[in-house]
N, C-alpha and C. Protein backbone atom coordinates (compact mmCIF):
# COMPACT_ATOMS: atom_id res chain seq x y z
N UNK A 1 0.85 -1.19 0.00
CA UNK A 1 0.00 0.00 0.00
C UNK A 1 0.89 1.25 0.00
N UNK A 2 0.48 2.25 -0.75
CA UNK A 2 1.25 3.49 -0.86
C UNK A 2 1.08 4.31 0.43
N UNK A 3 2.16 4.93 0.87
CA UNK A 3 2.19 5.66 2.14
C UNK A 3 1.58 7.06 2.00
N UNK A 4 0.49 7.33 2.71
CA UNK A 4 -0.17 8.62 2.67
C UNK A 4 0.47 9.67 3.55
N UNK A 5 1.59 9.31 4.25
CA UNK A 5 2.26 10.28 5.11
C UNK A 5 3.38 11.00 4.38
N UNK A 6 3.67 10.60 3.14
CA UNK A 6 4.73 11.23 2.34
C UNK A 6 4.12 12.05 1.20
N UNK A 7 4.50 13.32 1.12
CA UNK A 7 3.92 14.24 0.13
C UNK A 7 4.20 13.81 -1.32
N UNK A 8 5.37 13.16 -1.56
CA UNK A 8 5.72 12.75 -2.93
C UNK A 8 4.75 11.71 -3.49
N UNK A 9 4.04 10.99 -2.61
CA UNK A 9 3.09 9.96 -3.06
C UNK A 9 1.72 10.54 -3.43
N UNK A 10 1.47 11.80 -3.10
CA UNK A 10 0.16 12.42 -3.34
C UNK A 10 0.24 13.29 -4.59
N UNK A 11 -0.68 13.05 -5.51
CA UNK A 11 -0.73 13.83 -6.75
C UNK A 11 -2.16 14.34 -6.98
N UNK A 12 -2.27 15.44 -7.71
CA UNK A 12 -3.58 15.96 -8.08
C UNK A 12 -4.31 14.91 -8.92
N UNK A 13 -5.59 14.71 -8.66
CA UNK A 13 -6.38 13.76 -9.43
C UNK A 13 -6.32 12.34 -8.90
N UNK A 14 -5.56 12.11 -7.83
CA UNK A 14 -5.42 10.77 -7.26
C UNK A 14 -6.66 10.43 -6.44
N UNK A 15 -7.07 9.17 -6.48
CA UNK A 15 -8.20 8.70 -5.68
C UNK A 15 -7.70 8.27 -4.30
N UNK A 16 -8.24 8.90 -3.25
CA UNK A 16 -7.77 8.66 -1.89
C UNK A 16 -8.94 8.52 -0.91
N UNK A 17 -8.61 8.06 0.29
CA UNK A 17 -9.55 8.08 1.42
C UNK A 17 -8.92 8.97 2.48
N UNK A 18 -9.69 9.94 2.96
CA UNK A 18 -9.20 10.86 3.99
C UNK A 18 -10.04 10.72 5.25
N UNK A 19 -9.48 11.18 6.36
CA UNK A 19 -10.25 11.31 7.59
C UNK A 19 -10.46 12.80 7.83
N UNK A 20 -11.74 13.20 7.95
CA UNK A 20 -12.09 14.59 8.19
C UNK A 20 -11.82 14.93 9.65
N UNK A 21 -11.63 16.22 9.97
CA UNK A 21 -11.35 16.66 11.33
C UNK A 21 -12.40 16.13 12.31
N UNK A 22 -13.67 16.25 11.96
CA UNK A 22 -14.73 15.83 12.88
C UNK A 22 -14.84 14.31 13.00
N UNK A 23 -14.19 13.57 12.09
CA UNK A 23 -14.24 12.10 12.13
C UNK A 23 -12.98 11.47 12.72
N UNK A 24 -12.04 12.28 13.20
CA UNK A 24 -10.78 11.74 13.71
C UNK A 24 -10.98 10.80 14.89
N UNK A 25 -11.99 11.07 15.73
CA UNK A 25 -12.23 10.21 16.89
C UNK A 25 -12.81 8.86 16.49
N UNK A 26 -13.61 8.83 15.42
CA UNK A 26 -14.24 7.58 14.97
C UNK A 26 -13.41 6.87 13.91
N UNK A 27 -12.56 7.62 13.19
CA UNK A 27 -11.76 7.03 12.12
C UNK A 27 -12.53 6.81 10.83
N UNK A 28 -13.72 7.40 10.71
CA UNK A 28 -14.54 7.27 9.51
C UNK A 28 -13.81 7.89 8.32
N UNK A 29 -13.70 7.13 7.22
CA UNK A 29 -12.98 7.60 6.03
C UNK A 29 -13.94 8.15 4.98
N UNK A 30 -13.49 9.14 4.25
CA UNK A 30 -14.24 9.76 3.16
C UNK A 30 -13.43 9.61 1.88
N UNK A 31 -14.05 9.03 0.85
CA UNK A 31 -13.36 8.83 -0.43
C UNK A 31 -13.52 10.06 -1.32
N UNK A 32 -12.51 10.30 -2.16
CA UNK A 32 -12.58 11.41 -3.08
C UNK A 32 -11.34 11.52 -3.95
N UNK A 33 -11.34 12.55 -4.78
CA UNK A 33 -10.24 12.83 -5.70
C UNK A 33 -9.51 14.08 -5.21
N UNK A 34 -8.17 14.03 -5.17
CA UNK A 34 -7.36 15.16 -4.67
C UNK A 34 -7.46 16.35 -5.62
N UNK A 35 -7.84 17.52 -5.06
CA UNK A 35 -7.83 18.77 -5.82
C UNK A 35 -6.60 19.60 -5.45
N UNK A 36 -6.33 19.76 -4.14
CA UNK A 36 -5.19 20.56 -3.67
C UNK A 36 -4.45 19.80 -2.57
N UNK A 37 -3.13 19.95 -2.55
CA UNK A 37 -2.30 19.41 -1.47
C UNK A 37 -2.00 20.56 -0.53
N UNK A 38 -2.43 20.45 0.73
CA UNK A 38 -2.34 21.57 1.67
C UNK A 38 -1.11 21.50 2.57
N UNK A 39 -0.59 20.31 2.82
CA UNK A 39 0.62 20.17 3.65
C UNK A 39 1.84 20.57 2.85
N UNK A 40 2.65 21.47 3.39
CA UNK A 40 3.85 21.95 2.69
C UNK A 40 5.07 21.07 2.97
N UNK A 41 5.14 20.46 4.16
CA UNK A 41 6.31 19.66 4.52
C UNK A 41 6.32 18.34 3.73
N UNK A 42 7.51 17.73 3.55
CA UNK A 42 7.61 16.51 2.74
C UNK A 42 6.90 15.30 3.34
N UNK A 43 6.66 15.31 4.66
CA UNK A 43 5.90 14.23 5.27
C UNK A 43 5.21 14.71 6.54
N UNK A 44 4.21 13.93 6.98
CA UNK A 44 3.47 14.25 8.19
C UNK A 44 3.03 12.94 8.81
N UNK A 45 3.26 12.75 10.12
CA UNK A 45 2.98 11.45 10.74
C UNK A 45 1.51 11.03 10.70
N UNK A 46 0.58 11.98 10.62
CA UNK A 46 -0.85 11.64 10.60
C UNK A 46 -1.44 11.63 9.20
N UNK A 47 -0.62 11.90 8.19
CA UNK A 47 -1.10 11.92 6.81
C UNK A 47 -1.04 13.32 6.23
N UNK A 48 -0.85 13.38 4.92
CA UNK A 48 -0.78 14.66 4.22
C UNK A 48 -2.18 15.26 4.12
N UNK A 49 -2.31 16.54 4.44
CA UNK A 49 -3.62 17.21 4.38
C UNK A 49 -3.91 17.61 2.95
N UNK A 50 -5.11 17.25 2.47
CA UNK A 50 -5.53 17.57 1.11
C UNK A 50 -6.95 18.12 1.09
N UNK A 51 -7.28 18.80 -0.02
CA UNK A 51 -8.66 19.21 -0.30
C UNK A 51 -9.14 18.35 -1.45
N UNK A 52 -10.31 17.75 -1.29
CA UNK A 52 -10.89 16.91 -2.34
C UNK A 52 -11.66 17.78 -3.34
N UNK A 53 -12.02 17.19 -4.47
CA UNK A 53 -12.83 17.89 -5.48
C UNK A 53 -14.14 18.38 -4.88
N UNK A 54 -14.65 17.66 -3.87
CA UNK A 54 -15.91 18.02 -3.22
C UNK A 54 -15.74 19.20 -2.26
N UNK A 55 -14.49 19.60 -2.00
CA UNK A 55 -14.22 20.72 -1.09
C UNK A 55 -13.89 20.28 0.32
N UNK A 56 -14.04 19.00 0.62
CA UNK A 56 -13.75 18.50 1.95
C UNK A 56 -12.24 18.45 2.18
N UNK A 57 -11.82 18.74 3.43
CA UNK A 57 -10.40 18.78 3.78
C UNK A 57 -10.13 17.75 4.86
N UNK A 58 -9.07 16.99 4.66
CA UNK A 58 -8.69 16.00 5.67
C UNK A 58 -7.32 15.43 5.37
N UNK A 59 -6.91 14.47 6.21
CA UNK A 59 -5.60 13.85 6.05
C UNK A 59 -5.72 12.50 5.36
N UNK A 60 -4.80 12.24 4.41
CA UNK A 60 -4.83 11.02 3.62
C UNK A 60 -4.51 9.81 4.49
N UNK A 61 -5.40 8.81 4.47
CA UNK A 61 -5.18 7.56 5.19
C UNK A 61 -4.93 6.40 4.23
N UNK A 62 -5.55 6.45 3.04
CA UNK A 62 -5.38 5.39 2.05
C UNK A 62 -5.28 6.00 0.67
N UNK A 63 -4.48 5.36 -0.19
CA UNK A 63 -4.36 5.78 -1.59
C UNK A 63 -4.77 4.60 -2.44
N UNK A 64 -5.67 4.81 -3.41
CA UNK A 64 -6.15 3.72 -4.26
C UNK A 64 -5.43 3.67 -5.59
């Protein structure tokens, strides 16, 4: 499985599953397509923060 904590693995148009801020306690994942990469650092221990085409913002947990 591709690592969602490394920025180099995230590309625009990629299909991913993110965890939204309000879902962090439950771990509920939201699927979508990456529109913007919001994390500037090369990696982040909780996942790279992205904005989906739907406008939702969260950290990448899975890459399809």
